[in-house]
C-alpha atoms as a PDB file:
ATOM      1  CA  MET A   1       0.000   0.000   0.000  1.00  0.00           C
ATOM      2  CA  ASP A   2       1.242   3.485  -0.886  1.00  0.00           C
ATOM      3  CA  SER A   3       1.856   5.485   2.309  1.00  0.00           C
ATOM      4  CA  ARG A   4       2.280   8.859   0.565  1.00  0.00           C
ATOM      5  CA  LYS A   5      -0.176  11.482   1.659  1.00  0.00           C
ATOM      6  CA  VAL A   6      -1.995  13.708  -0.835  1.00  0.00           C
ATOM      7  CA  VAL A   7      -1.987  17.313   0.320  1.00  0.00           C
ATOM      8  CA  ASN A   8      -4.541  19.786  -0.974  1.00  0.00           C
ATOM      9  CA  ALA A   9      -2.831  23.127  -1.704  1.00  0.00           C
ATOM     10  CA  ARG A  10      -6.090  25.012  -1.108  1.00  0.00           C
ATOM     11  CA  VAL A  11      -6.260  26.468   2.379  1.00  0.00           C
ATOM     12  CA  GLU A  12      -9.767  27.910   2.051  1.00  0.00           C
ATOM     13  CA  ASP A  13     -12.897  27.272   0.066  1.00  0.00           C
ATOM     14  CA  ARG A  14     -13.337  29.342  -3.064  1.00  0.00           C
ATOM     15  CA  ILE A  15     -16.509  31.045  -4.186  1.00  0.00           C
ATOM     16  CA  ASN A  16     -17.165  30.772  -7.928  1.00  0.00           C
ATOM     17  CA  ILE A  17     -18.475  34.183  -8.957  1.00  0.00           C
ATOM     18  CA  GLY A  18     -17.863  36.608 -11.816  1.00  0.00           C
ATOM     19  CA  LEU A  19     -17.434  40.163 -10.549  1.00  0.00           C
ATOM     20  CA  PRO A  20     -15.769  43.190 -12.171  1.00  0.00           C
ATOM     21  CA  VAL A  21     -12.312  44.064 -10.815  1.00  0.00           C
ATOM     22  CA  THR A  22     -10.194  47.193 -11.255  1.00  0.00           C
ATOM     23  CA  LEU A  23      -6.422  46.598 -11.228  1.00  0.00           C
ATOM     24  CA  ARG A  24      -3.592  49.045 -10.804  1.00  0.00           C
ATOM     25  CA  VAL A  25      -0.245  47.752 -12.007  1.00  0.00           C
ATOM     26  CA  GLY A  26       2.921  49.576 -11.025  1.00  0.00           C
ATOM     27  CA  ARG A  27       3.428  52.571  -8.831  1.00  0.00           C
ATOM     28  CA  ARG A  28       0.962  55.429  -8.431  1.00  0.00           C
ATOM     29  CA  GLY A  29      -0.036  56.626 -11.849  1.00  0.00           C
ATOM     30  CA  GLY A  30       0.640  53.159 -13.289  1.00  0.00           C
ATOM     31  CA  LEU A  31      -1.571  51.189 -15.647  1.00  0.00           C
ATOM     32  CA  VAL A  32      -5.225  50.887 -14.617  1.00  0.00           C
ATOM     33  CA  ALA A  33      -7.007  47.937 -16.194  1.00  0.00           C
ATOM     34  CA  HIS A  34     -10.174  45.915 -15.804  1.00  0.00           C
ATOM     35  CA  ALA A  35     -10.700  42.188 -15.331  1.00  0.00           C
ATOM     36  CA  SER A  36     -13.294  39.880 -13.772  1.00  0.00           C
ATOM     37  CA  THR A  37     -13.151  37.260 -11.061  1.00  0.00           C
ATOM     38  CA  VAL A  38     -13.496  33.565 -11.804  1.00  0.00           C
ATOM     39  CA  ASP A  39     -13.424  32.695  -8.117  1.00  0.00           C
ATOM     40  CA  LEU A  40     -12.267  34.209  -4.850  1.00  0.00           C
ATOM     41  CA  SER A  41     -11.391  33.373  -1.259  1.00  0.00           C
ATOM     42  CA  GLU A  42     -10.210  35.320   1.773  1.00  0.00           C
ATOM     43  CA  ARG A  43      -6.599  34.848   0.624  1.00  0.00           C
ATOM     44  CA  GLY A  44      -6.790  35.412  -3.109  1.00  0.00           C
ATOM     45  CA  LEU A  45      -8.503  35.797  -6.457  1.00  0.00           C
ATOM     46  CA  ARG A  46      -8.511  34.019  -9.776  1.00  0.00           C
ATOM     47  CA  LEU A  47      -9.106  36.534 -12.551  1.00  0.00           C
ATOM     48  CA  ARG A  48      -9.847  36.488 -16.255  1.00  0.00           C
ATOM     49  CA  ALA A  49      -8.135  39.367 -18.081  1.00  0.00           C
ATOM     50  CA  ASP A  50      -7.367  40.460 -21.646  1.00  0.00           C
ATOM     51  CA  PHE A  51      -3.714  41.031 -20.738  1.00  0.00           C
ATOM     52  CA  ALA A  52      -0.946  38.991 -19.129  1.00  0.00           C
ATOM     53  CA  LEU A  53       0.739  39.829 -15.858  1.00  0.00           C
ATOM     54  CA  ARG A  54       4.059  38.396 -14.644  1.00  0.00           C
ATOM     55  CA  PRO A  55       4.420  35.952 -11.740  1.00  0.00           C
ATOM     56  CA  GLY A  56       5.854  37.814  -8.756  1.00  0.00           C
ATOM     57  CA  GLN A  57       4.428  41.140  -9.923  1.00  0.00           C
ATOM     58  CA  ALA A  58       2.551  43.230  -7.320  1.00  0.00           C
ATOM     59  CA  VAL A  59      -0.868  44.601  -8.268  1.00  0.00           C
ATOM     60  CA  GLU A  60      -3.565  46.490  -6.427  1.00  0.00           C
ATOM     61  CA  ALA A  61      -7.026  45.037  -7.018  1.00  0.00           C
ATOM     62  CA  MET A  62     -10.472  46.197  -6.028  1.00  0.00           C
ATOM     63  CA  VAL A  63     -13.547  44.054  -6.586  1.00  0.00           C
ATOM     64  CA  ASN A  64     -16.158  46.555  -7.751  1.00  0.00           C
ATOM     65  CA  GLU A  65     -19.193  45.126  -5.974  1.00  0.00           C
ATOM     66  CA  GLY A  66     -18.923  46.589  -2.481  1.00  0.00           C
ATOM     67  CA  MET A  67     -16.433  43.941  -1.343  1.00  0.00           C
ATOM     68  CA  GLY A  68     -14.278  46.388   0.653  1.00  0.00           C
ATOM     69  CA  GLY A  69     -11.349  48.554  -0.283  1.00  0.00           C
ATOM     70  CA  PRO A  70      -8.463  47.680  -2.580  1.00  0.00           C
ATOM     71  CA  GLY A  71      -5.894  45.088  -1.592  1.00  0.00           C
ATOM     72  CA  THR A  72      -2.316  44.480  -2.668  1.00  0.00           C
ATOM     73  CA  TYR A  73      -1.754  41.100  -4.309  1.00  0.00           C
ATOM     74  CA  ARG A  74       1.143  39.093  -5.718  1.00  0.00           C
ATOM     75  CA  VAL A  75       0.716  37.363  -9.082  1.00  0.00           C
ATOM     76  CA  VAL A  76       1.297  33.654  -8.394  1.00  0.00           C
ATOM     77  CA  TRP A  77       0.580  32.188 -11.837  1.00  0.00           C
ATOM     78  CA  VAL A  78      -0.639  33.142 -15.320  1.00  0.00           C
ATOM     79  CA  SER A  79      -2.067  30.885 -18.015  1.00  0.00           C
ATOM     80  CA  GLU A  80      -4.017  31.246 -21.233  1.00  0.00           C
ATOM     81  CA  SER A  81      -7.772  31.019 -20.652  1.00  0.00           C
ATOM     82  CA  GLU A  82      -9.601  27.789 -21.337  1.00  0.00           C
ATOM     83  CA  ALA A  83     -11.210  27.144 -24.696  1.00  0.00           C
ATOM     84  CA  GLY A  84     -14.093  29.493 -25.366  1.00  0.00           C
ATOM     85  CA  TYR A  85     -12.507  32.440 -23.565  1.00  0.00           C
ATOM     86  CA  SER A  86      -9.950  34.881 -24.867  1.00  0.00           C
ATOM     87  CA  GLY A  87      -7.153  36.311 -22.772  1.00  0.00           C
ATOM     88  CA  TYR A  88      -5.572  34.946 -19.608  1.00  0.00           C
ATOM     89  CA  GLU A  89      -6.386  33.565 -16.196  1.00  0.00           C
ATOM     90  CA  VAL A  90      -4.326  34.960 -13.342  1.00  0.00           C
ATOM     91  CA  GLY A  91      -3.919  33.710  -9.767  1.00  0.00           C
ATOM     92  CA  LEU A  92      -3.450  36.448  -7.166  1.00  0.00           C
ATOM     93  CA  GLU A  93      -2.430  35.986  -3.524  1.00  0.00           C
ATOM     94  CA  LEU A  94      -3.435  38.679  -1.033  1.00  0.00           C
ATOM     95  CA  LEU A  95      -0.381  40.192   0.663  1.00  0.00           C
ATOM     96  CA  PRO A  96      -0.359  41.082   4.356  1.00  0.00           C
ATOM     97  CA  GLN A  97      -1.242  44.717   4.998  1.00  0.00           C
ATOM     98  CA  THR A  98       1.864  46.897   5.060  1.00  0.00           C
ATOM     99  CA  ASN A  99       2.638  50.469   4.126  1.00  0.00           C
ATOM    100  CA  SER A 100       1.277  49.740   0.656  1.00  0.00           C
ATOM    101  CA  ALA A 101       3.820  48.139  -1.648  1.00  0.00           C
ATOM    102  CA  MET A 102       2.176  50.164  -4.434  1.00  0.00           C
ATOM    103  CA  ALA A 103       2.944  53.549  -2.866  1.00  0.00           C
ATOM    104  CA  ALA A 104       5.209  56.014  -4.624  1.00  0.00           C
END
């Protein structure tokens, strides 16, 4: 019998919901773009966007449906969207609150 243990990388349940998101990439005055959620949890978002981001990149994201203020996230992964969708899917991890990594 195989004694290896399968570990689920997901720490929290995700909610599958499509909501509009505003992203700010770069420092103040940087690129502002729009995307939509595929799913979300307390620790992150999976987005669908028409543009690619880079893993490790910091972005500020605000879900535009009264879900609280903006948060600073780290891009964890990027892949081309599944068949039937154009653009990219992006995994974002919420960063701990600090003196905003996006500040000038």
